Amino acid sequence: MLPYLNDSEIQRVLCVVAHPDDMEYGASAAVAEWRSRGIEVGYLLLTSGEAGIRGMDPRTVGPLRAEEQRRACEIVGVSDLTILDLPDGLLEADLEVRAHITHQIRRFKPDAVLTMTWELEVPWGLNHADHRAAGLGVIDAIRDADNPWLFRPDEAESDPGAWAVSWLLVTGTENTHAIPVSEKSLEMGIASLNAHEVYLSALPDHVSARELLTGLLTNTGREAGVEYALGVRVLPMG
């Protein structure tokens, strides 16, 4: 049986992913659950997903997908959303990415950071290059954020100060813990994925949001002895 994640001491969670819609493949249901219990959640998207719809100009797609993400965030109760303009499809876990994530960690001051797996092979095939880069960037940025001598701005008074993250939560990999979610949170998660209307319409073979998320959270729930749950790998950071 998967043990539950003990989030009793978690007050703030920062979610760092590569694209609009990345959070909506299960994780947003857990976000809805956290928000219902007063846990603050912020999103950092490293790109606007502008290269994500074949046949549509990236200059049109980027703003469109950003707006769909804003609607998805509203559904699950997230108001703190940052979308960077790093290049979709070309992310690297370099110093620029680490600096962006570091600054966001220091600003938001999360107890836990959630991201997607950086592993090459994942249950659904081979992982996207941007997802791998985002995950690796998060690992390094968590360490960077706790080092006051790294990524300091020129003006010392504007330095938000070092911040230590206690937990790294990773989705899309071998689970060590489960985050139980209510049926209401599942419904909000489904609605948040459906908010990416134009993006999903460009994927005619995509399974319905209801079928996909209900199946995913039911399977993990079965492993944890509850009706619905999101699986995560939990890594203590220190």
Protein backbone atom coordinates (compact mmCIF):
# COMPACT_ATOMS: atom_id res chain seq x y z
CA MET A 1 0.00 0.00 0.00
CA LEU A 2 1.27 3.45 -0.86
CA PRO A 3 1.59 5.64 2.24
CA TYR A 4 -0.08 9.05 2.25
CA LEU A 5 2.05 12.15 1.87
CA ASN A 6 2.12 13.84 5.27
CA ASP A 7 1.51 17.45 4.26
CA SER A 8 0.52 18.68 7.71
CA GLU A 9 3.59 20.95 7.83
CA ILE A 10 3.34 22.11 4.20
CA GLN A 11 1.85 25.58 3.89
CA ARG A 12 3.08 26.60 0.43
CA VAL A 13 3.77 24.56 -2.73
CA LEU A 14 5.45 25.85 -5.89
CA CYS A 15 4.70 23.85 -9.04
CA VAL A 16 7.34 24.16 -11.77
CA VAL A 17 6.62 22.69 -15.21
CA ALA A 18 7.57 23.32 -18.81
CA HIS A 19 4.27 24.06 -20.55
CA PRO A 20 0.64 25.07 -20.19
CA ASP A 21 -1.39 21.87 -19.53
CA ASP A 22 1.51 19.99 -17.83
CA MET A 23 -0.09 20.45 -14.41
CA GLU A 24 -3.50 19.36 -15.63
CA TYR A 25 -2.61 15.71 -16.22
CA GLY A 26 -3.45 14.74 -12.65
CA ALA A 27 -1.50 17.16 -10.50
CA SER A 28 -4.12 19.92 -10.64
CA ALA A 29 -6.56 17.65 -8.78
CA ALA A 30 -4.08 17.52 -5.90
CA VAL A 31 -3.73 21.30 -6.15
CA ALA A 32 -7.51 21.67 -5.81
CA GLU A 33 -7.35 19.45 -2.73
CA TRP A 34 -4.54 21.52 -1.20
CA ARG A 35 -6.34 24.76 -1.90
CA SER A 36 -9.51 23.44 -0.22
CA ARG A 37 -7.43 23.04 2.94
CA GLY A 38 -5.83 26.47 2.77
CA ILE A 39 -2.42 25.47 1.38
CA GLU A 40 -1.05 28.19 -0.91
CA VAL A 41 0.00 27.04 -4.39
CA GLY A 42 1.90 28.89 -7.09
CA TYR A 43 2.64 27.87 -10.68
CA LEU A 44 5.81 28.60 -12.64
CA LEU A 45 5.65 27.67 -16.34
CA LEU A 46 8.98 27.94 -18.11
CA THR A 47 7.41 28.42 -21.56
CA SER A 48 4.06 29.43 -23.01
CA GLY A 49 3.91 26.28 -25.13
CA GLU A 50 3.97 28.31 -28.32
CA ALA A 51 5.37 25.44 -30.44
CA GLY A 52 2.78 22.97 -29.18
CA ILE A 53 0.11 23.10 -31.88
CA ARG A 54 1.11 21.89 -35.32
CA GLY A 55 -0.34 24.09 -38.06
CA MET A 56 -0.77 27.21 -35.89
CA ASP A 57 1.66 30.11 -35.75
CA PRO A 58 3.59 30.17 -32.44
CA ARG A 59 2.90 33.91 -32.20
CA THR A 60 -0.80 33.05 -31.95
CA VAL A 61 -0.43 29.88 -29.92
CA GLY A 62 1.65 31.31 -27.05
CA PRO A 63 -0.89 33.91 -25.86
CA LEU A 64 -3.77 31.50 -26.51
CA ARG A 65 -2.27 28.74 -24.39
CA ALA A 66 -1.33 31.20 -21.65
CA GLU A 67 -4.96 32.30 -21.46
CA GLU A 68 -6.13 28.69 -21.31
CA GLN A 69 -3.70 28.13 -18.44
CA ARG A 70 -5.07 31.12 -16.58
CA ARG A 71 -8.56 29.65 -16.84
CA ALA A 72 -7.29 26.27 -15.65
CA CYS A 73 -5.67 27.95 -12.64
CA GLU A 74 -8.87 29.79 -11.73
CA ILE A 75 -10.77 26.49 -11.65
CA VAL A 76 -8.49 24.95 -9.00
CA GLY A 77 -8.01 28.17 -7.03
CA VAL A 78 -4.50 29.23 -8.08
CA SER A 79 -3.95 32.96 -8.48
CA ASP A 80 -0.13 33.02 -8.44
CA LEU A 81 0.83 32.13 -12.03
CA THR A 82 4.09 33.05 -13.74
CA ILE A 83 4.72 32.13 -17.39
CA LEU A 84 8.21 32.75 -18.74
CA ASP A 85 9.11 33.31 -22.39
CA LEU A 86 11.82 30.67 -22.66
CA PRO A 87 11.71 28.77 -25.99
CA ASP A 88 9.19 25.95 -26.15
CA GLY A 89 10.79 22.70 -27.30
CA LEU A 90 14.33 24.00 -26.74
CA LEU A 91 14.60 24.14 -22.95
CA GLU A 92 17.92 23.23 -21.38
CA ALA A 93 18.76 22.78 -17.71
CA ASP A 94 21.24 25.63 -17.96
CA LEU A 95 22.14 28.57 -15.76
CA GLU A 96 19.35 30.73 -17.16
CA VAL A 97 16.67 28.17 -16.28
CA ARG A 98 18.21 27.60 -12.85
CA ALA A 99 18.28 31.34 -12.17
CA HIS A 100 14.61 31.78 -13.10
CA ILE A 101 13.50 28.91 -10.86
CA THR A 102 15.78 30.04 -8.04
CA HIS A 103 14.32 33.55 -8.04
CA GLN A 104 10.79 32.16 -8.03
CA ILE A 105 11.56 29.86 -5.10
CA ARG A 106 13.01 32.77 -3.13
CA ARG A 107 9.99 34.93 -3.95
CA PHE A 108 7.28 32.35 -3.20
CA LYS A 109 9.07 30.64 -0.28
CA PRO A 110 7.53 27.18 -0.72
CA ASP A 111 7.86 24.32 1.74
CA ALA A 112 7.61 21.90 -1.20
CA VAL A 113 8.29 22.11 -4.93
CA LEU A 114 6.39 19.88 -7.35
CA THR A 115 7.68 19.08 -10.83
CA MET A 116 7.57 16.41 -13.52
CA THR A 117 10.08 13.60 -13.81
CA TRP A 118 13.40 14.17 -15.54
CA GLU A 119 13.78 10.49 -16.43
CA LEU A 120 14.15 9.57 -20.10
CA GLU A 121 11.79 6.59 -20.00
CA VAL A 122 8.35 7.13 -18.47
CA PRO A 123 5.26 4.90 -18.26
CA TRP A 124 3.77 6.41 -21.44
CA GLY A 125 6.97 6.23 -23.55
CA LEU A 126 9.97 8.54 -23.92
CA ASN A 127 9.83 11.75 -21.92
CA HIS A 128 9.68 15.17 -23.61
CA ALA A 129 13.00 17.04 -23.71
CA ASP A 130 11.44 20.11 -22.05
CA HIS A 131 10.04 18.01 -19.20
CA ARG A 132 13.45 16.50 -18.56
CA ALA A 133 15.13 19.90 -18.61
CA ALA A 134 12.53 21.39 -16.27
CA GLY A 135 12.92 18.58 -13.75
CA LEU A 136 16.71 18.77 -13.73
CA GLY A 137 16.57 22.55 -13.48
CA VAL A 138 14.30 22.26 -10.44
CA ILE A 139 16.72 19.91 -8.65
CA ASP A 140 19.62 22.32 -9.08
CA ALA A 141 17.56 25.44 -8.39
CA ILE A 142 16.35 24.09 -5.05
CA ARG A 143 19.97 23.83 -3.98
CA ASP A 144 20.81 27.20 -5.57
CA ALA A 145 17.95 28.95 -3.75
CA ASP A 146 19.39 27.93 -0.40
CA ASN A 147 22.83 29.34 -1.22
CA PRO A 148 22.90 33.11 -0.56
CA TRP A 149 25.96 33.54 -2.79
CA LEU A 150 24.33 32.20 -5.94
CA PHE A 151 22.21 34.30 -8.32
CA ARG A 152 22.38 37.41 -6.18
CA PRO A 153 21.04 40.52 -7.89
CA ASP A 154 23.37 43.50 -8.20
CA GLU A 155 21.35 45.48 -5.71
CA ALA A 156 21.65 43.75 -2.34
CA GLU A 157 18.49 45.36 -0.98
CA SER A 158 16.43 43.67 -3.71
CA ASP A 159 17.77 40.22 -2.81
CA PRO A 160 14.81 38.15 -1.51
CA GLY A 161 17.27 36.04 0.50
CA ALA A 162 18.14 32.37 0.50
CA TRP A 163 15.29 29.92 0.98
CA ALA A 164 15.41 26.23 1.90
CA VAL A 165 12.81 23.92 0.35
CA SER A 166 12.02 20.91 2.53
CA TRP A 167 10.46 18.56 -0.02
CA LEU A 168 10.64 17.80 -3.74
CA LEU A 169 7.53 16.11 -5.15
CA VAL A 170 7.84 14.44 -8.55
CA THR A 171 5.03 13.20 -10.79
CA GLY A 172 5.22 10.75 -13.67
CA THR A 173 7.72 8.40 -12.06
CA GLU A 174 7.75 5.50 -9.60
CA ASN A 175 5.54 6.60 -6.74
CA THR A 176 6.61 6.52 -3.11
CA HIS A 177 3.53 8.29 -1.70
CA ALA A 178 -0.07 9.12 -2.52
CA ILE A 179 -1.97 12.38 -2.19
CA PRO A 180 -5.64 11.46 -1.61
CA VAL A 181 -8.12 13.71 -3.43
CA SER A 182 -11.88 14.04 -3.07
CA GLU A 183 -14.39 13.53 -5.85
CA LYS A 184 -14.87 17.31 -5.92
CA SER A 185 -11.14 17.84 -6.43
CA LEU A 186 -11.14 15.22 -9.19
CA GLU A 187 -13.97 17.10 -10.93
CA MET A 188 -12.03 20.34 -10.66
CA GLY A 189 -8.98 18.61 -12.09
CA ILE A 190 -11.02 17.35 -15.05
CA ALA A 191 -12.42 20.83 -15.64
CA SER A 192 -8.94 22.35 -15.49
CA LEU A 193 -7.68 20.00 -18.21
CA ASN A 194 -10.75 20.74 -20.33
CA ALA A 195 -9.89 24.45 -20.02
CA HIS A 196 -7.12 23.78 -22.57
CA GLU A 197 -9.84 23.65 -25.22
CA VAL A 198 -7.94 24.75 -28.31
CA TYR A 199 -4.88 22.68 -27.43
CA LEU A 200 -6.94 19.52 -26.89
CA SER A 201 -8.93 20.10 -30.07
CA ALA A 202 -5.65 19.86 -31.99
CA LEU A 203 -5.17 16.33 -30.61
CA PRO A 204 -8.05 14.35 -32.17
CA ASP A 205 -6.90 11.01 -30.70
CA HIS A 206 -6.60 12.38 -27.16
CA VAL A 207 -8.53 10.40 -24.54
CA SER A 208 -11.24 12.46 -22.83
CA ALA A 209 -10.15 14.34 -19.73
CA ARG A 210 -12.70 12.48 -17.62
CA GLU A 211 -11.58 9.04 -18.75
CA LEU A 212 -7.88 9.84 -18.46
CA LEU A 213 -7.90 11.49 -15.04
CA THR A 214 -10.48 9.22 -13.45
CA GLY A 215 -8.46 6.19 -14.54
CA LEU A 216 -5.16 7.65 -13.35
CA LEU A 217 -6.40 8.75 -9.93
CA THR A 218 -8.48 5.61 -9.41
CA ASN A 219 -5.49 3.35 -10.08
CA THR A 220 -3.31 5.20 -7.60
CA GLY A 221 -6.18 5.41 -5.13
CA ARG A 222 -6.48 1.64 -5.25
CA GLU A 223 -2.80 1.36 -4.30
CA ALA A 224 -3.35 3.74 -1.39
CA GLY A 225 -6.67 2.33 -0.16
CA VAL A 226 -8.76 5.38 -1.13
CA GLU A 227 -11.07 6.19 -4.03
CA TYR A 228 -8.83 8.73 -5.75
CA ALA A 229 -5.20 9.75 -5.27
CA LEU A 230 -2.29 11.32 -7.12
CA GLY A 231 0.96 9.39 -6.93
CA VAL A 232 4.23 11.24 -6.32
CA ARG A 233 7.83 10.47 -5.56
CA VAL A 234 8.83 12.33 -2.39
CA LEU A 235 12.44 13.42 -1.96
CA PRO A 236 13.52 15.22 1.23
CA MET A 237 15.77 18.20 0.49
CA GLY A 238 18.29 19.57 2.92
